[in-house]
C-alpha atoms as a PDB file:
ATOM      1  CA  MET A   1      -5.760   9.414   9.408  1.00  0.00           C
ATOM      2  CA  GLY A   2      -8.478   6.897   8.970  1.00  0.00           C
ATOM      3  CA  LEU A   3      -9.425   3.365   8.103  1.00  0.00           C
ATOM      4  CA  PHE A   4      -8.717   2.007   4.613  1.00  0.00           C
ATOM      5  CA  SER A   5     -10.402  -1.170   3.331  1.00  0.00           C
ATOM      6  CA  PHE A   6      -8.701  -3.728   1.096  1.00  0.00           C
ATOM      7  CA  ILE A   7      -9.635  -7.043  -0.482  1.00  0.00           C
ATOM      8  CA  LYS A   8      -8.381  -9.650   1.956  1.00  0.00           C
ATOM      9  CA  GLY A   9      -7.952 -12.379  -0.680  1.00  0.00           C
ATOM     10  CA  ALA A  10      -5.876 -10.269  -3.101  1.00  0.00           C
ATOM     11  CA  GLY A  11      -2.333  -9.012  -2.780  1.00  0.00           C
ATOM     12  CA  LYS A  12       1.265  -9.901  -2.371  1.00  0.00           C
ATOM     13  CA  LYS A  13       1.856 -13.166  -0.537  1.00  0.00           C
ATOM     14  CA  ILE A  14       4.341 -12.356   2.232  1.00  0.00           C
ATOM     15  CA  PHE A  15       3.125 -14.515   5.098  1.00  0.00           C
ATOM     16  CA  LYS A  16       4.953 -17.835   5.283  1.00  0.00           C
ATOM     17  CA  LYS A  17       3.020 -20.989   6.160  1.00  0.00           C
ATOM     18  CA  LYS A  18       5.793 -22.076   8.520  1.00  0.00           C
ATOM     19  CA  ASP A  19       7.345 -19.609  10.904  1.00  0.00           C
ATOM     20  CA  ALA A  20      10.901 -18.930   9.672  1.00  0.00           C
ATOM     21  CA  ALA A  21      11.894 -17.835  13.174  1.00  0.00           C
ATOM     22  CA  PRO A  22      10.478 -20.401  15.614  1.00  0.00           C
ATOM     23  CA  SER A  23      11.018 -17.982  18.521  1.00  0.00           C
ATOM     24  CA  LEU A  24       8.263 -15.705  17.131  1.00  0.00           C
ATOM     25  CA  SER A  25       4.556 -16.201  17.636  1.00  0.00           C
ATOM     26  CA  PRO A  26       2.470 -16.346  14.423  1.00  0.00           C
ATOM     27  CA  GLU A  27       1.307 -12.745  15.019  1.00  0.00           C
ATOM     28  CA  GLU A  28       4.889 -11.537  15.633  1.00  0.00           C
ATOM     29  CA  ALA A  29       6.020 -13.290  12.438  1.00  0.00           C
ATOM     30  CA  LYS A  30       3.275 -11.504  10.452  1.00  0.00           C
ATOM     31  CA  ILE A  31       4.233  -8.126  11.930  1.00  0.00           C
ATOM     32  CA  ALA A  32       7.894  -8.810  11.098  1.00  0.00           C
ATOM     33  CA  ALA A  33       6.903  -9.670   7.497  1.00  0.00           C
ATOM     34  CA  LEU A  34       4.869  -6.448   7.202  1.00  0.00           C
ATOM     35  CA  ARG A  35       7.779  -4.378   8.596  1.00  0.00           C
ATOM     36  CA  GLU A  36      10.104  -6.025   6.082  1.00  0.00           C
ATOM     37  CA  ALA A  37       7.669  -5.265   3.224  1.00  0.00           C
ATOM     38  CA  VAL A  38       7.741  -1.554   4.121  1.00  0.00           C
ATOM     39  CA  ALA A  39      11.521  -1.559   4.638  1.00  0.00           C
ATOM     40  CA  GLU A  40      12.107  -3.150   1.216  1.00  0.00           C
ATOM     41  CA  LEU A  41      10.351  -0.188  -0.431  1.00  0.00           C
ATOM     42  CA  GLY A  42      12.765   2.301   1.118  1.00  0.00           C
ATOM     43  CA  ILE A  43       9.991   4.742   2.049  1.00  0.00           C
ATOM     44  CA  PRO A  44      11.265   7.111   4.737  1.00  0.00           C
ATOM     45  CA  VAL A  45       9.293   6.712   7.969  1.00  0.00           C
ATOM     46  CA  THR A  46      10.326   7.236  11.570  1.00  0.00           C
ATOM     47  CA  GLY A  47       8.852   5.491  14.565  1.00  0.00           C
ATOM     48  CA  LEU A  48       7.117   2.850  12.432  1.00  0.00           C
ATOM     49  CA  ASN A  49       4.859   0.734  14.602  1.00  0.00           C
ATOM     50  CA  ILE A  50       2.635  -2.003  13.182  1.00  0.00           C
ATOM     51  CA  ASP A  51       0.038  -3.860  15.198  1.00  0.00           C
ATOM     52  CA  LEU A  52      -2.395  -6.592  14.152  1.00  0.00           C
ATOM     53  CA  ALA A  53      -5.878  -6.630  15.614  1.00  0.00           C
ATOM     54  CA  GLU A  54      -9.037  -6.716  13.495  1.00  0.00           C
ATOM     55  CA  GLN A  55      -6.918  -4.777  11.007  1.00  0.00           C
ATOM     56  CA  VAL A  56      -3.332  -3.591  10.613  1.00  0.00           C
ATOM     57  CA  ILE A  57      -2.712  -0.507  12.735  1.00  0.00           C
ATOM     58  CA  VAL A  58       0.199   1.604  11.528  1.00  0.00           C
ATOM     59  CA  GLU A  59       1.812   4.556  13.309  1.00  0.00           C
ATOM     60  CA  GLY A  60       4.826   6.748  12.662  1.00  0.00           C
ATOM     61  CA  SER A  61       5.664   9.952  10.852  1.00  0.00           C
ATOM     62  CA  THR A  62       6.576  10.757   7.257  1.00  0.00           C
ATOM     63  CA  ASN A  63       7.500  13.929   5.429  1.00  0.00           C
ATOM     64  CA  THR A  64       4.761  13.691   2.775  1.00  0.00           C
ATOM     65  CA  ASN A  65       1.259  12.344   2.223  1.00  0.00           C
ATOM     66  CA  ALA A  66       2.673  10.414  -0.741  1.00  0.00           C
ATOM     67  CA  ASP A  67       4.966   8.434   1.579  1.00  0.00           C
ATOM     68  CA  ARG A  68       2.075   7.919   4.053  1.00  0.00           C
ATOM     69  CA  GLU A  69      -0.201   6.636   1.299  1.00  0.00           C
ATOM     70  CA  LYS A  70       2.490   4.309  -0.068  1.00  0.00           C
ATOM     71  CA  ILE A  71       2.965   2.751   3.372  1.00  0.00           C
ATOM     72  CA  ILE A  72      -0.804   2.236   3.730  1.00  0.00           C
ATOM     73  CA  LEU A  73      -0.950   0.618   0.276  1.00  0.00           C
ATOM     74  CA  ALA A  74       2.153  -1.517   0.884  1.00  0.00           C
ATOM     75  CA  LEU A  75       0.496  -2.957   3.992  1.00  0.00           C
ATOM     76  CA  GLY A  76      -3.024  -3.214   2.580  1.00  0.00           C
ATOM     77  CA  ASN A  77      -2.046  -4.813  -0.724  1.00  0.00           C
ATOM     78  CA  VAL A  78      -0.932  -7.946   1.104  1.00  0.00           C
ATOM     79  CA  GLU A  79      -2.966 -11.139   0.919  1.00  0.00           C
ATOM     80  CA  GLY A  80      -4.819 -11.636   4.182  1.00  0.00           C
ATOM     81  CA  ILE A  81      -5.027  -7.938   5.123  1.00  0.00           C
ATOM     82  CA  GLY A  82      -8.551  -6.525   4.977  1.00  0.00           C
ATOM     83  CA  ALA A  83      -8.054  -3.089   6.525  1.00  0.00           C
ATOM     84  CA  VAL A  84      -5.337  -0.651   7.555  1.00  0.00           C
ATOM     85  CA  ALA A  85      -5.925   1.838  10.374  1.00  0.00           C
ATOM     86  CA  ASP A  86      -3.738   4.838   9.611  1.00  0.00           C
ATOM     87  CA  ASN A  87      -2.245   6.774  12.521  1.00  0.00           C
ATOM     88  CA  ILE A  88       0.713   8.180  10.555  1.00  0.00           C
ATOM     89  CA  THR A  89       1.592  11.832  11.108  1.00  0.00           C
ATOM     90  CA  VAL A  90       2.602  13.840   8.031  1.00  0.00           C
ATOM     91  CA  LEU A  91       5.164  16.572   8.719  1.00  0.00           C
ATOM     92  CA  ASN A  92       4.589  18.483   5.450  1.00  0.00           C
ATOM     93  CA  PRO A  93       0.918  17.933   4.526  1.00  0.00           C
ATOM     94  CA  GLU A  94      -0.122  18.184   0.884  1.00  0.00           C
ATOM     95  CA  PRO A  95      -3.322  17.213  -0.951  1.00  0.00           C
ATOM     96  CA  GLU A  96      -4.204  13.555  -0.547  1.00  0.00           C
ATOM     97  CA  SER A  97      -4.505  11.217  -3.506  1.00  0.00           C
ATOM     98  CA  THR A  98      -7.610   9.217  -4.281  1.00  0.00           C
ATOM     99  CA  PHE A  99      -7.442   5.431  -4.353  1.00  0.00           C
ATOM    100  CA  HIS A 100      -8.607   3.152  -7.155  1.00  0.00           C
ATOM    101  CA  GLU A 101      -9.368  -0.562  -6.941  1.00  0.00           C
ATOM    102  CA  VAL A 102      -8.086  -2.354 -10.043  1.00  0.00           C
ATOM    103  CA  LYS A 103     -10.838  -4.285 -11.820  1.00  0.00           C
ATOM    104  CA  SER A 104     -10.414  -7.149 -14.283  1.00  0.00           C
ATOM    105  CA  GLY A 105      -9.430  -5.683 -17.673  1.00  0.00           C
ATOM    106  CA  ASP A 106      -7.991  -2.482 -16.187  1.00  0.00           C
ATOM    107  CA  THR A 107      -4.702  -1.098 -17.439  1.00  0.00           C
ATOM    108  CA  LEU A 108      -2.933   2.022 -16.227  1.00  0.00           C
ATOM    109  CA  SER A 109      -3.799   3.663 -19.568  1.00  0.00           C
ATOM    110  CA  LYS A 110      -7.498   2.863 -19.125  1.00  0.00           C
ATOM    111  CA  ILE A 111      -7.468   4.170 -15.558  1.00  0.00           C
ATOM    112  CA  ALA A 112      -5.638   7.345 -16.694  1.00  0.00           C
ATOM    113  CA  ARG A 113      -8.221   7.874 -19.451  1.00  0.00           C
ATOM    114  CA  ASP A 114     -11.083   7.476 -16.966  1.00  0.00           C
ATOM    115  CA  VAL A 115      -9.526   9.707 -14.283  1.00  0.00           C
ATOM    116  CA  TYR A 116      -7.541  12.290 -16.252  1.00  0.00           C
ATOM    117  CA  GLY A 117      -9.203  12.072 -19.684  1.00  0.00           C
ATOM    118  CA  ASP A 118      -5.838  11.141 -21.245  1.00  0.00           C
ATOM    119  CA  PRO A 119      -4.566   7.540 -21.475  1.00  0.00           C
ATOM    120  CA  MET A 120      -1.006   8.810 -21.981  1.00  0.00           C
ATOM    121  CA  LYS A 121      -0.959  10.032 -18.372  1.00  0.00           C
ATOM    122  CA  TYR A 122      -0.652   6.397 -17.211  1.00  0.00           C
ATOM    123  CA  ASN A 123       2.921   7.169 -16.187  1.00  0.00           C
ATOM    124  CA  VAL A 124       1.659   9.638 -13.542  1.00  0.00           C
ATOM    125  CA  ILE A 125      -0.175   6.738 -11.881  1.00  0.00           C
ATOM    126  CA  PHE A 126       2.782   4.391 -12.351  1.00  0.00           C
ATOM    127  CA  GLU A 127       5.229   6.858 -10.755  1.00  0.00           C
ATOM    128  CA  ALA A 128       2.799   7.577  -7.904  1.00  0.00           C
ATOM    129  CA  ASN A 129       2.791   3.874  -7.043  1.00  0.00           C
ATOM    130  CA  GLN A 130       6.506   3.227  -7.180  1.00  0.00           C
ATOM    131  CA  PRO A 131       8.285   1.361  -5.678  1.00  0.00           C
ATOM    132  CA  MET A 132       5.274  -0.944  -5.159  1.00  0.00           C
ATOM    133  CA  LEU A 133       4.833  -1.297  -8.940  1.00  0.00           C
ATOM    134  CA  SER A 134       7.849  -2.592 -10.819  1.00  0.00           C
ATOM    135  CA  HIS A 135       6.281  -2.271 -14.298  1.00  0.00           C
ATOM    136  CA  PRO A 136       3.168  -0.498 -15.669  1.00  0.00           C
ATOM    137  CA  ASP A 137       1.716  -3.827 -16.851  1.00  0.00           C
ATOM    138  CA  LYS A 138       2.062  -5.555 -13.471  1.00  0.00           C
ATOM    139  CA  ILE A 139      -1.238  -4.686 -11.828  1.00  0.00           C
ATOM    140  CA  TYR A 140      -3.883  -7.174 -10.709  1.00  0.00           C
ATOM    141  CA  PRO A 141      -7.607  -7.167  -9.883  1.00  0.00           C
ATOM    142  CA  GLY A 142      -8.220  -6.155  -6.291  1.00  0.00           C
ATOM    143  CA  GLN A 143      -5.032  -4.115  -6.023  1.00  0.00           C
ATOM    144  CA  ILE A 144      -5.485  -0.586  -4.683  1.00  0.00           C
ATOM    145  CA  LEU A 145      -3.541   2.190  -6.459  1.00  0.00           C
ATOM    146  CA  ARG A 146      -2.802   5.829  -5.590  1.00  0.00           C
ATOM    147  CA  ILE A 147      -4.285   8.295  -8.076  1.00  0.00           C
ATOM    148  CA  PRO A 148      -2.675  11.710  -7.507  1.00  0.00           C
ATOM    149  CA  SER A 149      -4.393  14.890  -8.581  1.00  0.00           C
ATOM    150  CA  LEU A 150      -2.771  16.758 -11.454  1.00  0.00           C
END
């Protein structure tokens, strides 16, 4: 549990300029879009609650730290989100991953070489960030990635 910082101007664009459901306030529409972003990933979480204040506040429970971290990253790697306050309970705790901010010129191979000493371990990073990453070459500056320990 803690507070995770993200680059507010980088990330997936999920907030619509016009409210698709006029019955929702702008804040409710943003929360609905964030819930949908997590749901689309198919990460198992029960009791998911998302609130917008100075940052996104997320609550619920998952079976693994990997699922918890993916939810945090799915919410934080959205354009306009600068921080995620994590209040997710993990039922089966395991070692936490470290996070890496993608810089201009980074590739998963370069990151793997820097972190693991072996560029061929890029697939470990790719798999740790699925389903958020659809292809190893589709990363962008400012994106935050999970880097699991080996």
